[in-house]
Amino acid sequence: MSNWTIVSSGGNAIKEAVFRKFDASLLGQIIAPEDDNYNSIRVSLTGVTDPRGPALIARCVATSNVVRAIDFARTDELKIEVRAGGHSFNVGSFCDGGMVIDLPS
């Protein structure tokens, strides 16, 4: 991530070093709004793009990644939504400004 706009629900900026440590601890991928695949990941199976824009999407490939993502969000007061395979027909798996834990199918 090049542009530090991640802010906790309490209004505090998340420090870059804290984010870098979190990013390095994941086996999956962190996707930010400036990444090329950010918008395509926000498309549901019904073809609808969720209008909400999370600050980051954590694509978790192992249970330990999910635990780490929840710990990071809890410690840094980020709202969490979970997307499991993109099956939410009401596009309810995203949030504005928080973190989406994405469990790719």
C-alpha atoms as a PDB file:
ATOM      1  CA  MET A   1       0.000   0.000   0.000  1.00  0.00           C
ATOM      2  CA  SER A   2       1.410   3.335  -0.950  1.00  0.00           C
ATOM      3  CA  ASN A   3      -1.248   5.673   0.391  1.00  0.00           C
ATOM      4  CA  TRP A   4      -1.892   5.428   4.136  1.00  0.00           C
ATOM      5  CA  THR A   5      -5.591   6.056   4.519  1.00  0.00           C
ATOM      6  CA  ILE A   6      -6.450   3.207   6.876  1.00  0.00           C
ATOM      7  CA  VAL A   7      -8.185   4.685   9.879  1.00  0.00           C
ATOM      8  CA  SER A   8      -9.684   2.750  12.781  1.00  0.00           C
ATOM      9  CA  SER A   9     -13.346   3.027  13.661  1.00  0.00           C
ATOM     10  CA  GLY A  10     -12.125   5.158  16.592  1.00  0.00           C
ATOM     11  CA  GLY A  11     -10.561   7.637  14.155  1.00  0.00           C
ATOM     12  CA  ASN A  12      -6.921   6.656  14.734  1.00  0.00           C
ATOM     13  CA  ALA A  13      -4.546   6.125  11.821  1.00  0.00           C
ATOM     14  CA  ILE A  14      -2.972   2.687  11.661  1.00  0.00           C
ATOM     15  CA  LYS A  15       0.799   2.965  11.639  1.00  0.00           C
ATOM     16  CA  GLU A  16       2.630   1.717   8.560  1.00  0.00           C
ATOM     17  CA  ALA A  17       4.987  -0.490  10.601  1.00  0.00           C
ATOM     18  CA  VAL A  18       2.005  -2.228  12.243  1.00  0.00           C
ATOM     19  CA  PHE A  19       0.407  -2.813   8.864  1.00  0.00           C
ATOM     20  CA  ARG A  20       3.676  -4.103   7.335  1.00  0.00           C
ATOM     21  CA  LYS A  21       4.057  -6.609  10.183  1.00  0.00           C
ATOM     22  CA  PHE A  22       0.488  -7.815   9.611  1.00  0.00           C
ATOM     23  CA  ASP A  23       1.029  -8.060   5.852  1.00  0.00           C
ATOM     24  CA  ALA A  24       4.238 -10.060   6.312  1.00  0.00           C
ATOM     25  CA  SER A  25       2.474 -12.511   8.634  1.00  0.00           C
ATOM     26  CA  LEU A  26      -0.107 -13.621   6.056  1.00  0.00           C
ATOM     27  CA  LEU A  27       0.259 -16.454   3.581  1.00  0.00           C
ATOM     28  CA  GLY A  28      -2.468 -14.841   1.504  1.00  0.00           C
ATOM     29  CA  GLN A  29      -2.642 -11.419  -0.065  1.00  0.00           C
ATOM     30  CA  ILE A  30      -3.625  -7.931   1.079  1.00  0.00           C
ATOM     31  CA  ILE A  31      -5.520  -5.984  -1.560  1.00  0.00           C
ATOM     32  CA  ALA A  32      -5.901  -2.217  -1.286  1.00  0.00           C
ATOM     33  CA  PRO A  33      -8.074   0.230  -3.267  1.00  0.00           C
ATOM     34  CA  GLU A  34      -5.139   1.192  -5.505  1.00  0.00           C
ATOM     35  CA  ASP A  35      -4.494  -2.427  -6.551  1.00  0.00           C
ATOM     36  CA  ASP A  36      -5.573  -3.467 -10.056  1.00  0.00           C
ATOM     37  CA  ASN A  37      -7.762  -6.361  -8.870  1.00  0.00           C
ATOM     38  CA  TYR A  38      -9.525  -4.452  -6.053  1.00  0.00           C
ATOM     39  CA  ASN A  39     -12.725  -3.732  -8.008  1.00  0.00           C
ATOM     40  CA  SER A  40     -12.969  -7.175  -9.584  1.00  0.00           C
ATOM     41  CA  ILE A  41     -12.820  -8.797  -6.136  1.00  0.00           C
ATOM     42  CA  ARG A  42     -15.819  -6.694  -5.036  1.00  0.00           C
ATOM     43  CA  VAL A  43     -18.061  -8.349  -7.686  1.00  0.00           C
ATOM     44  CA  SER A  44     -20.464 -10.963  -6.315  1.00  0.00           C
ATOM     45  CA  LEU A  45     -21.541 -14.162  -8.069  1.00  0.00           C
ATOM     46  CA  THR A  46     -24.606 -12.262  -9.261  1.00  0.00           C
ATOM     47  CA  GLY A  47     -22.358  -9.804 -11.121  1.00  0.00           C
ATOM     48  CA  VAL A  48     -23.108  -6.879  -8.787  1.00  0.00           C
ATOM     49  CA  THR A  49     -20.202  -4.772  -7.565  1.00  0.00           C
ATOM     50  CA  ASP A  50     -20.597  -3.876  -3.915  1.00  0.00           C
ATOM     51  CA  PRO A  51     -20.721  -0.073  -3.611  1.00  0.00           C
ATOM     52  CA  ARG A  52     -18.865  -0.061  -0.293  1.00  0.00           C
ATOM     53  CA  GLY A  53     -15.104   0.344  -0.272  1.00  0.00           C
ATOM     54  CA  PRO A  54     -13.082  -1.400   2.399  1.00  0.00           C
ATOM     55  CA  ALA A  55      -9.659   0.013   3.269  1.00  0.00           C
ATOM     56  CA  LEU A  56      -8.204  -3.423   2.697  1.00  0.00           C
ATOM     57  CA  ILE A  57      -9.169  -6.931   1.692  1.00  0.00           C
ATOM     58  CA  ALA A  58      -7.256  -9.759   3.368  1.00  0.00           C
ATOM     59  CA  ARG A  59      -7.379 -12.875   1.182  1.00  0.00           C
ATOM     60  CA  CYS A  60      -6.768 -15.594   3.727  1.00  0.00           C
ATOM     61  CA  VAL A  61      -5.595 -19.019   2.590  1.00  0.00           C
ATOM     62  CA  ALA A  62      -5.261 -20.690   5.997  1.00  0.00           C
ATOM     63  CA  THR A  63      -7.094 -20.701   9.316  1.00  0.00           C
ATOM     64  CA  SER A  64      -4.078 -19.047  10.927  1.00  0.00           C
ATOM     65  CA  ASN A  65      -4.485 -16.146   8.478  1.00  0.00           C
ATOM     66  CA  VAL A  66      -8.087 -15.623   9.563  1.00  0.00           C
ATOM     67  CA  VAL A  67      -7.039 -15.613  13.224  1.00  0.00           C
ATOM     68  CA  ARG A  68      -4.244 -13.125  12.483  1.00  0.00           C
ATOM     69  CA  ALA A  69      -6.602 -10.871  10.497  1.00  0.00           C
ATOM     70  CA  ILE A  70      -9.165 -10.840  13.307  1.00  0.00           C
ATOM     71  CA  ASP A  71      -6.443 -10.067  15.856  1.00  0.00           C
ATOM     72  CA  PHE A  72      -5.142  -7.220  13.677  1.00  0.00           C
ATOM     73  CA  ALA A  73      -8.632  -5.768  13.226  1.00  0.00           C
ATOM     74  CA  ARG A  74      -9.484  -6.097  16.902  1.00  0.00           C
ATOM     75  CA  THR A  75      -6.221  -4.489  18.064  1.00  0.00           C
ATOM     76  CA  ASP A  76      -6.457  -1.662  15.546  1.00  0.00           C
ATOM     77  CA  GLU A  77     -10.233  -1.179  15.859  1.00  0.00           C
ATOM     78  CA  LEU A  78     -11.138  -1.969  12.263  1.00  0.00           C
ATOM     79  CA  LYS A  79     -14.619  -3.012  11.292  1.00  0.00           C
ATOM     80  CA  ILE A  80     -14.622  -6.549   9.874  1.00  0.00           C
ATOM     81  CA  GLU A  81     -16.799  -8.188   7.268  1.00  0.00           C
ATOM     82  CA  VAL A  82     -16.295 -11.735   6.025  1.00  0.00           C
ATOM     83  CA  ARG A  83     -16.700 -12.912   2.469  1.00  0.00           C
ATOM     84  CA  ALA A  84     -16.695 -16.652   1.972  1.00  0.00           C
ATOM     85  CA  GLY A  85     -16.584 -17.509  -1.713  1.00  0.00           C
ATOM     86  CA  GLY A  86     -18.570 -14.431  -2.833  1.00  0.00           C
ATOM     87  CA  HIS A  87     -21.937 -16.123  -2.347  1.00  0.00           C
ATOM     88  CA  SER A  88     -23.684 -13.164  -0.706  1.00  0.00           C
ATOM     89  CA  PHE A  89     -26.589 -12.433  -3.024  1.00  0.00           C
ATOM     90  CA  ASN A  90     -27.467  -9.233  -1.155  1.00  0.00           C
ATOM     91  CA  VAL A  91     -23.847  -8.046  -1.472  1.00  0.00           C
ATOM     92  CA  GLY A  92     -23.557  -7.915   2.312  1.00  0.00           C
ATOM     93  CA  SER A  93     -19.932  -8.965   2.636  1.00  0.00           C
ATOM     94  CA  PHE A  94     -18.247  -5.564   2.408  1.00  0.00           C
ATOM     95  CA  CYS A  95     -17.905  -2.416   4.504  1.00  0.00           C
ATOM     96  CA  ASP A  96     -16.683   1.119   4.068  1.00  0.00           C
ATOM     97  CA  GLY A  97     -13.228   1.769   5.464  1.00  0.00           C
ATOM     98  CA  GLY A  98     -12.767  -1.495   7.364  1.00  0.00           C
ATOM     99  CA  MET A  99     -11.294  -4.849   6.450  1.00  0.00           C
ATOM    100  CA  VAL A 100     -12.887  -7.664   4.490  1.00  0.00           C
ATOM    101  CA  ILE A 101     -11.604 -11.115   5.338  1.00  0.00           C
ATOM    102  CA  ASP A 102     -11.944 -12.859   1.999  1.00  0.00           C
ATOM    103  CA  LEU A 103     -11.987 -16.643   1.919  1.00  0.00           C
ATOM    104  CA  PRO A 104     -11.650 -17.399  -1.794  1.00  0.00           C
ATOM    105  CA  SER A 105     -13.491 -20.443  -3.075  1.00  0.00           C
END
